[in-house]
Amino acid sequence: MAMTSSRPYMVRALYEWIVDNDFTPHIVVNAQAEGAAVPQQYVNQDGQIVLNIAPRAVASLDLGNSAISFNARFGGIPTEIYVPSHAVLGIYARENGQGMMFDAEPAPIQPSDPDSPPTPGKKTKKESPKASEKRPSLRVVK
């Protein structure tokens, strides 16, 4: 059985190390990767964008196993950012350049599962529970 990608674990570790040393963590993103939701007007000619993910620069930062997501302002406009893990090309400290770059990684193959999460950027309504489903409950037993 193949192991999962180490990339999200390395990103979290380096992020913590950079922040603990009072430096500014930046990530390099392949903005053309499938699923990446970044402001295209800031993408360079190589199809990459560098994003500041310092705690003071972003809100609701989630360094998950499948993606990095957060809210930030670009030109004063609040923007939701979503970067799949395979689109992260590197993480480094702005002040000294220390960090790590990653090899290109293909997008993971997604199974066609009806229970899979919605695609980023699309809003979905929460479905109401079916009438036949009971709400979980706890009971005190003495």
N, C-alpha and C. Protein backbone atom coordinates (compact mmCIF):
# COMPACT_ATOMS: atom_id res chain seq x y z
N MET A 1 0.85 -1.17 0.00
CA MET A 1 0.00 0.00 0.00
C MET A 1 0.90 1.24 0.00
N ALA A 2 0.55 2.21 -0.82
CA ALA A 2 1.34 3.43 -0.93
C ALA A 2 1.05 4.36 0.24
N MET A 3 2.08 5.08 0.65
CA MET A 3 1.92 6.05 1.74
C MET A 3 1.35 7.35 1.19
N THR A 4 0.70 8.11 2.06
CA THR A 4 0.18 9.41 1.66
C THR A 4 1.35 10.38 1.49
N SER A 5 1.09 11.47 0.87
CA SER A 5 2.13 12.47 0.62
C SER A 5 2.64 13.06 1.94
N SER A 6 3.93 13.27 2.02
CA SER A 6 4.53 13.90 3.20
C SER A 6 4.46 15.42 3.13
N ARG A 7 4.09 15.94 1.97
CA ARG A 7 4.08 17.39 1.75
C ARG A 7 3.28 18.17 2.80
N PRO A 8 2.02 17.81 3.10
CA PRO A 8 1.27 18.61 4.09
C PRO A 8 1.90 18.57 5.48
N TYR A 9 2.52 17.47 5.83
CA TYR A 9 3.18 17.35 7.13
C TYR A 9 4.43 18.23 7.19
N MET A 10 5.18 18.26 6.10
CA MET A 10 6.37 19.11 6.04
C MET A 10 5.98 20.59 6.06
N VAL A 11 4.92 20.94 5.35
CA VAL A 11 4.46 22.33 5.33
C VAL A 11 4.07 22.76 6.74
N ARG A 12 3.31 21.93 7.46
CA ARG A 12 2.91 22.29 8.83
C ARG A 12 4.11 22.43 9.75
N ALA A 13 5.06 21.51 9.64
CA ALA A 13 6.26 21.57 10.49
C ALA A 13 7.08 22.82 10.21
N LEU A 14 7.31 23.12 8.94
CA LEU A 14 8.10 24.29 8.59
C LEU A 14 7.36 25.58 8.93
N TYR A 15 6.05 25.60 8.75
CA TYR A 15 5.25 26.77 9.13
C TYR A 15 5.44 27.06 10.62
N GLU A 16 5.30 26.04 11.43
CA GLU A 16 5.45 26.22 12.88
C GLU A 16 6.86 26.70 13.24
N TRP A 17 7.87 26.12 12.62
CA TRP A 17 9.26 26.50 12.86
C TRP A 17 9.50 27.96 12.48
N ILE A 18 8.99 28.36 11.31
CA ILE A 18 9.18 29.74 10.85
C ILE A 18 8.49 30.72 11.78
N VAL A 19 7.24 30.44 12.15
CA VAL A 19 6.49 31.33 13.04
C VAL A 19 7.11 31.38 14.43
N ASP A 20 7.56 30.23 14.95
CA ASP A 20 8.20 30.20 16.27
C ASP A 20 9.45 31.06 16.33
N ASN A 21 10.09 31.25 15.19
CA ASN A 21 11.30 32.08 15.13
C ASN A 21 10.99 33.52 14.74
N ASP A 22 9.71 33.90 14.79
CA ASP A 22 9.26 35.27 14.50
C ASP A 22 9.60 35.73 13.08
N PHE A 23 9.57 34.79 12.13
CA PHE A 23 9.74 35.13 10.74
C PHE A 23 8.41 35.03 10.02
N THR A 24 8.37 35.40 8.76
CA THR A 24 7.14 35.44 7.98
C THR A 24 7.09 34.28 6.99
N PRO A 25 6.18 33.34 7.19
CA PRO A 25 6.09 32.19 6.27
C PRO A 25 5.39 32.57 4.95
N HIS A 26 6.02 32.20 3.86
CA HIS A 26 5.45 32.39 2.53
C HIS A 26 5.39 31.02 1.85
N ILE A 27 4.33 30.79 1.09
CA ILE A 27 4.25 29.56 0.30
C ILE A 27 4.29 29.93 -1.18
N VAL A 28 4.93 29.06 -1.96
CA VAL A 28 4.96 29.19 -3.41
C VAL A 28 3.92 28.20 -3.94
N VAL A 29 3.01 28.69 -4.78
CA VAL A 29 1.89 27.88 -5.23
C VAL A 29 1.86 27.81 -6.76
N ASN A 30 1.57 26.62 -7.27
CA ASN A 30 1.30 26.46 -8.69
C ASN A 30 -0.15 26.89 -8.89
N ALA A 31 -0.35 28.11 -9.35
CA ALA A 31 -1.69 28.68 -9.48
C ALA A 31 -2.50 28.01 -10.58
N GLN A 32 -1.85 27.24 -11.44
CA GLN A 32 -2.55 26.57 -12.54
C GLN A 32 -2.95 25.15 -12.18
N ALA A 33 -2.62 24.71 -10.96
CA ALA A 33 -2.96 23.36 -10.54
C ALA A 33 -4.47 23.23 -10.39
N GLU A 34 -4.96 22.03 -10.67
CA GLU A 34 -6.39 21.77 -10.55
C GLU A 34 -6.85 22.01 -9.11
N GLY A 35 -7.91 22.78 -8.96
CA GLY A 35 -8.48 23.05 -7.65
C GLY A 35 -7.94 24.28 -6.95
N ALA A 36 -6.88 24.88 -7.47
CA ALA A 36 -6.31 26.06 -6.82
C ALA A 36 -7.20 27.27 -7.05
N ALA A 37 -7.55 27.94 -5.94
CA ALA A 37 -8.36 29.16 -6.01
C ALA A 37 -7.55 30.29 -5.40
N VAL A 38 -6.85 31.02 -6.28
CA VAL A 38 -5.99 32.14 -5.86
C VAL A 38 -6.29 33.32 -6.77
N PRO A 39 -5.97 34.56 -6.34
CA PRO A 39 -6.23 35.72 -7.20
C PRO A 39 -5.31 35.70 -8.43
N GLN A 40 -5.90 35.47 -9.57
CA GLN A 40 -5.13 35.30 -10.81
C GLN A 40 -4.37 36.55 -11.24
N GLN A 41 -4.83 37.73 -10.81
CA GLN A 41 -4.15 38.96 -11.23
C GLN A 41 -2.76 39.09 -10.60
N TYR A 42 -2.45 38.26 -9.60
CA TYR A 42 -1.13 38.31 -8.95
C TYR A 42 -0.23 37.14 -9.34
N VAL A 43 -0.68 36.31 -10.27
CA VAL A 43 0.10 35.16 -10.71
C VAL A 43 1.17 35.62 -11.69
N ASN A 44 2.40 35.11 -11.52
CA ASN A 44 3.49 35.53 -12.41
C ASN A 44 3.43 34.75 -13.74
N GLN A 45 4.33 35.06 -14.66
CA GLN A 45 4.30 34.42 -15.98
C GLN A 45 4.64 32.94 -15.94
N ASP A 46 5.21 32.46 -14.83
CA ASP A 46 5.49 31.03 -14.68
C ASP A 46 4.29 30.28 -14.13
N GLY A 47 3.19 31.00 -13.88
CA GLY A 47 1.99 30.35 -13.35
C GLY A 47 2.05 30.11 -11.85
N GLN A 48 2.93 30.87 -11.17
CA GLN A 48 3.08 30.72 -9.73
C GLN A 48 2.69 31.99 -9.00
N ILE A 49 2.33 31.81 -7.74
CA ILE A 49 2.03 32.94 -6.87
C ILE A 49 2.67 32.66 -5.52
N VAL A 50 3.18 33.70 -4.88
CA VAL A 50 3.75 33.59 -3.54
C VAL A 50 2.75 34.22 -2.58
N LEU A 51 2.37 33.46 -1.56
CA LEU A 51 1.36 33.91 -0.59
C LEU A 51 1.95 34.00 0.80
N ASN A 52 1.71 35.13 1.46
CA ASN A 52 2.12 35.34 2.84
C ASN A 52 1.07 34.66 3.72
N ILE A 53 1.47 33.67 4.51
CA ILE A 53 0.51 32.97 5.38
C ILE A 53 0.82 33.20 6.86
N ALA A 54 1.44 34.34 7.16
CA ALA A 54 1.72 34.70 8.55
C ALA A 54 0.40 34.88 9.30
N PRO A 55 0.38 34.56 10.60
CA PRO A 55 -0.86 34.72 11.37
C PRO A 55 -1.47 36.12 11.29
N ARG A 56 -0.65 37.15 11.19
CA ARG A 56 -1.17 38.52 11.13
C ARG A 56 -1.68 38.88 9.74
N ALA A 57 -1.39 38.06 8.73
CA ALA A 57 -1.78 38.37 7.35
C ALA A 57 -3.02 37.63 6.88
N VAL A 58 -3.39 36.55 7.58
CA VAL A 58 -4.51 35.73 7.14
C VAL A 58 -5.48 35.47 8.29
N ALA A 59 -6.67 35.05 7.93
CA ALA A 59 -7.67 34.63 8.92
C ALA A 59 -8.13 33.22 8.55
N SER A 60 -8.53 32.48 9.55
CA SER A 60 -9.07 31.13 9.36
C SER A 60 -8.12 30.21 8.60
N LEU A 61 -6.84 30.26 8.95
CA LEU A 61 -5.85 29.41 8.29
C LEU A 61 -6.06 27.96 8.67
N ASP A 62 -6.15 27.09 7.66
CA ASP A 62 -6.28 25.65 7.87
C ASP A 62 -5.21 24.96 7.04
N LEU A 63 -4.22 24.39 7.73
CA LEU A 63 -3.16 23.64 7.06
C LEU A 63 -3.54 22.16 7.10
N GLY A 64 -4.46 21.77 6.26
CA GLY A 64 -4.97 20.40 6.26
C GLY A 64 -4.12 19.45 5.45
N ASN A 65 -4.48 18.18 5.49
CA ASN A 65 -3.75 17.17 4.72
C ASN A 65 -4.02 17.27 3.22
N SER A 66 -5.22 17.70 2.86
CA SER A 66 -5.54 17.75 1.43
C SER A 66 -5.38 19.14 0.84
N ALA A 67 -5.41 20.18 1.68
CA ALA A 67 -5.32 21.55 1.15
C ALA A 67 -4.99 22.54 2.25
N ILE A 68 -4.55 23.72 1.81
CA ILE A 68 -4.37 24.87 2.69
C ILE A 68 -5.47 25.85 2.29
N SER A 69 -6.20 26.34 3.29
CA SER A 69 -7.24 27.33 2.99
C SER A 69 -7.18 28.43 4.03
N PHE A 70 -7.53 29.65 3.59
CA PHE A 70 -7.54 30.80 4.48
C PHE A 70 -8.23 31.97 3.79
N ASN A 71 -8.48 33.00 4.56
CA ASN A 71 -9.03 34.25 4.04
C ASN A 71 -7.96 35.32 4.14
N ALA A 72 -7.85 36.14 3.11
CA ALA A 72 -6.86 37.22 3.10
C ALA A 72 -7.40 38.37 2.25
N ARG A 73 -6.72 39.50 2.34
CA ARG A 73 -7.10 40.67 1.53
C ARG A 73 -6.05 40.88 0.45
N PHE A 74 -6.53 41.10 -0.75
CA PHE A 74 -5.67 41.42 -1.90
C PHE A 74 -6.18 42.72 -2.47
N GLY A 75 -5.38 43.77 -2.35
CA GLY A 75 -5.81 45.09 -2.81
C GLY A 75 -7.04 45.57 -2.05
N GLY A 76 -7.15 45.17 -0.78
CA GLY A 76 -8.27 45.58 0.06
C GLY A 76 -9.52 44.74 -0.12
N ILE A 77 -9.50 43.77 -1.01
CA ILE A 77 -10.67 42.93 -1.27
C ILE A 77 -10.53 41.61 -0.53
N PRO A 78 -11.48 41.28 0.37
CA PRO A 78 -11.43 39.99 1.07
C PRO A 78 -11.55 38.84 0.06
N THR A 79 -10.66 37.86 0.18
CA THR A 79 -10.60 36.76 -0.77
C THR A 79 -10.43 35.44 -0.03
N GLU A 80 -11.18 34.43 -0.46
CA GLU A 80 -11.01 33.08 0.06
C GLU A 80 -9.98 32.37 -0.80
N ILE A 81 -8.96 31.81 -0.16
CA ILE A 81 -7.88 31.12 -0.86
C ILE A 81 -7.98 29.63 -0.56
N TYR A 82 -7.81 28.82 -1.60
CA TYR A 82 -7.81 27.37 -1.45
C TYR A 82 -6.68 26.81 -2.30
N VAL A 83 -5.74 26.12 -1.65
CA VAL A 83 -4.58 25.58 -2.35
C VAL A 83 -4.48 24.09 -2.04
N PRO A 84 -4.76 23.23 -3.02
CA PRO A 84 -4.59 21.79 -2.79
C PRO A 84 -3.12 21.49 -2.45
N SER A 85 -2.90 20.49 -1.64
CA SER A 85 -1.54 20.16 -1.19
C SER A 85 -0.58 19.94 -2.36
N HIS A 86 -1.06 19.30 -3.43
CA HIS A 86 -0.16 19.03 -4.56
C HIS A 86 0.26 20.32 -5.28
N ALA A 87 -0.45 21.43 -5.04
CA ALA A 87 -0.12 22.70 -5.69
C ALA A 87 0.92 23.52 -4.92
N VAL A 88 1.23 23.11 -3.69
CA VAL A 88 2.24 23.83 -2.89
C VAL A 88 3.62 23.41 -3.39
N LEU A 89 4.36 24.38 -3.88
CA LEU A 89 5.69 24.11 -4.43
C LEU A 89 6.80 24.37 -3.42
N GLY A 90 6.50 25.12 -2.35
CA GLY A 90 7.51 25.39 -1.35
C GLY A 90 6.98 26.27 -0.24
N ILE A 91 7.74 26.29 0.85
CA ILE A 91 7.46 27.18 1.98
C ILE A 91 8.80 27.69 2.49
N TYR A 92 8.86 28.99 2.77
CA TYR A 92 10.12 29.57 3.22
C TYR A 92 9.86 30.81 4.07
N ALA A 93 10.89 31.23 4.81
CA ALA A 93 10.82 32.45 5.60
C ALA A 93 11.23 33.62 4.71
N ARG A 94 10.40 34.64 4.66
CA ARG A 94 10.68 35.79 3.80
C ARG A 94 12.00 36.47 4.16
N GLU A 95 12.30 36.55 5.45
CA GLU A 95 13.45 37.32 5.91
C GLU A 95 14.80 36.70 5.54
N ASN A 96 14.89 35.37 5.50
CA ASN A 96 16.19 34.75 5.23
C ASN A 96 16.15 33.66 4.15
N GLY A 97 14.96 33.36 3.63
CA GLY A 97 14.85 32.37 2.56
C GLY A 97 14.93 30.93 2.99
N GLN A 98 15.08 30.68 4.29
CA GLN A 98 15.19 29.30 4.74
C GLN A 98 13.83 28.62 4.66
N GLY A 99 13.83 27.39 4.20
CA GLY A 99 12.61 26.63 4.06
C GLY A 99 12.85 25.44 3.17
N MET A 100 11.84 25.08 2.38
CA MET A 100 11.96 23.90 1.55
C MET A 100 11.12 24.06 0.28
N MET A 101 11.69 23.63 -0.83
CA MET A 101 10.94 23.56 -2.08
C MET A 101 10.63 22.09 -2.33
N PHE A 102 9.51 21.83 -3.00
CA PHE A 102 9.07 20.47 -3.25
C PHE A 102 9.10 20.16 -4.74
N ASP A 103 9.27 18.88 -5.05
CA ASP A 103 9.19 18.44 -6.44
C ASP A 103 7.73 18.53 -6.89
N ALA A 104 7.54 18.67 -8.17
CA ALA A 104 6.17 18.70 -8.72
C ALA A 104 5.50 17.36 -8.40
N GLU A 105 4.26 17.44 -8.03
CA GLU A 105 3.50 16.25 -7.65
C GLU A 105 2.18 16.28 -8.41
N PRO A 106 1.81 15.17 -9.06
CA PRO A 106 0.54 15.18 -9.79
C PRO A 106 -0.64 15.24 -8.82
N ALA A 107 -1.75 15.75 -9.32
CA ALA A 107 -2.96 15.81 -8.51
C ALA A 107 -3.39 14.39 -8.17
N PRO A 108 -3.84 14.17 -6.94
CA PRO A 108 -4.30 12.83 -6.58
C PRO A 108 -5.56 12.48 -7.35
N ILE A 109 -5.71 11.22 -7.68
CA ILE A 109 -6.89 10.77 -8.40
C ILE A 109 -8.03 10.67 -7.41
N GLN A 110 -9.12 11.38 -7.71
CA GLN A 110 -10.27 11.40 -6.82
C GLN A 110 -11.25 10.31 -7.24
N PRO A 111 -11.66 9.47 -6.29
CA PRO A 111 -12.68 8.48 -6.62
C PRO A 111 -14.02 9.17 -6.85
N SER A 112 -14.83 8.61 -7.70
CA SER A 112 -16.15 9.21 -7.95
C SER A 112 -17.10 8.73 -6.87
N ASP A 113 -16.97 9.34 -5.71
CA ASP A 113 -17.76 8.99 -4.53
C ASP A 113 -18.81 10.06 -4.30
N PRO A 114 -20.08 9.67 -4.19
CA PRO A 114 -21.12 10.68 -3.97
C PRO A 114 -20.99 11.38 -2.62
N ASP A 115 -20.26 10.81 -1.68
CA ASP A 115 -20.09 11.42 -0.37
C ASP A 115 -18.84 12.29 -0.30
N SER A 116 -18.17 12.49 -1.44
CA SER A 116 -16.94 13.29 -1.44
C SER A 116 -17.30 14.75 -1.16
N PRO A 117 -16.34 15.51 -0.58
CA PRO A 117 -16.63 16.91 -0.25
C PRO A 117 -16.86 17.72 -1.50
N PRO A 118 -17.60 18.82 -1.39
CA PRO A 118 -17.85 19.66 -2.56
C PRO A 118 -16.58 20.31 -3.04
N THR A 119 -16.57 20.70 -4.30
CA THR A 119 -15.39 21.35 -4.84
C THR A 119 -15.25 22.73 -4.24
N PRO A 120 -14.01 23.21 -4.07
CA PRO A 120 -13.81 24.51 -3.44
C PRO A 120 -14.45 25.62 -4.26
N GLY A 121 -14.91 26.65 -3.55
CA GLY A 121 -15.49 27.80 -4.20
C GLY A 121 -16.98 27.68 -4.45
N LYS A 122 -17.50 26.49 -4.36
CA LYS A 122 -18.93 26.31 -4.56
C LYS A 122 -19.60 26.24 -3.19
N LYS A 123 -20.67 26.96 -3.05
CA LYS A 123 -21.42 26.95 -1.81
C LYS A 123 -22.53 25.92 -1.93
N THR A 124 -22.71 25.14 -0.88
CA THR A 124 -23.79 24.16 -0.88
C THR A 124 -24.64 24.36 0.34
N LYS A 125 -25.92 24.07 0.20
CA LYS A 125 -26.82 24.15 1.34
C LYS A 125 -26.65 22.90 2.17
N LYS A 126 -26.79 23.05 3.48
CA LYS A 126 -26.74 21.88 4.34
C LYS A 126 -28.05 21.14 4.16
N GLU A 127 -27.92 19.85 3.96
CA GLU A 127 -29.11 19.05 3.78
C GLU A 127 -29.72 18.75 5.14
N SER A 128 -31.04 18.78 5.17
CA SER A 128 -31.71 18.46 6.43
C SER A 128 -31.70 16.95 6.61
N PRO A 129 -31.60 16.49 7.87
CA PRO A 129 -31.56 15.05 8.09
C PRO A 129 -32.86 14.41 7.64
N LYS A 130 -32.73 13.19 7.16
CA LYS A 130 -33.91 12.46 6.71
C LYS A 130 -34.80 12.14 7.90
N ALA A 131 -36.07 12.02 7.64
CA ALA A 131 -37.03 11.75 8.71
C ALA A 131 -36.76 10.42 9.39
N SER A 132 -36.21 9.47 8.63
CA SER A 132 -35.97 8.15 9.21
C SER A 132 -34.73 8.10 10.10
N GLU A 133 -33.84 9.12 9.97
CA GLU A 133 -32.63 9.14 10.78
C GLU A 133 -32.94 9.72 12.14
N LYS A 134 -32.43 9.04 13.18
CA LYS A 134 -32.62 9.55 14.54
C LYS A 134 -31.40 10.36 14.93
N ARG A 135 -31.63 11.34 15.73
CA ARG A 135 -30.56 12.16 16.27
C ARG A 135 -29.86 11.36 17.36
N PRO A 136 -28.52 11.38 17.39
CA PRO A 136 -27.82 10.64 18.43
C PRO A 136 -28.13 11.22 19.81
N SER A 137 -28.17 10.36 20.79
CA SER A 137 -28.44 10.82 22.15
C SER A 137 -27.66 9.98 23.14
N LEU A 138 -27.44 10.55 24.29
CA LEU A 138 -26.75 9.86 25.37
C LEU A 138 -27.73 9.63 26.51
N ARG A 139 -27.49 8.58 27.25
CA ARG A 139 -28.38 8.24 28.35
C ARG A 139 -27.52 7.86 29.54
N VAL A 140 -27.87 8.34 30.74
CA VAL A 140 -27.14 8.03 31.95
C VAL A 140 -27.58 6.65 32.44
N VAL A 141 -26.60 5.77 32.65
CA VAL A 141 -26.89 4.44 33.16
C VAL A 141 -26.22 4.32 34.52
N LYS A 142 -27.01 3.96 35.54
CA LYS A 142 -26.45 3.82 36.89
C LYS A 142 -26.31 2.38 37.28
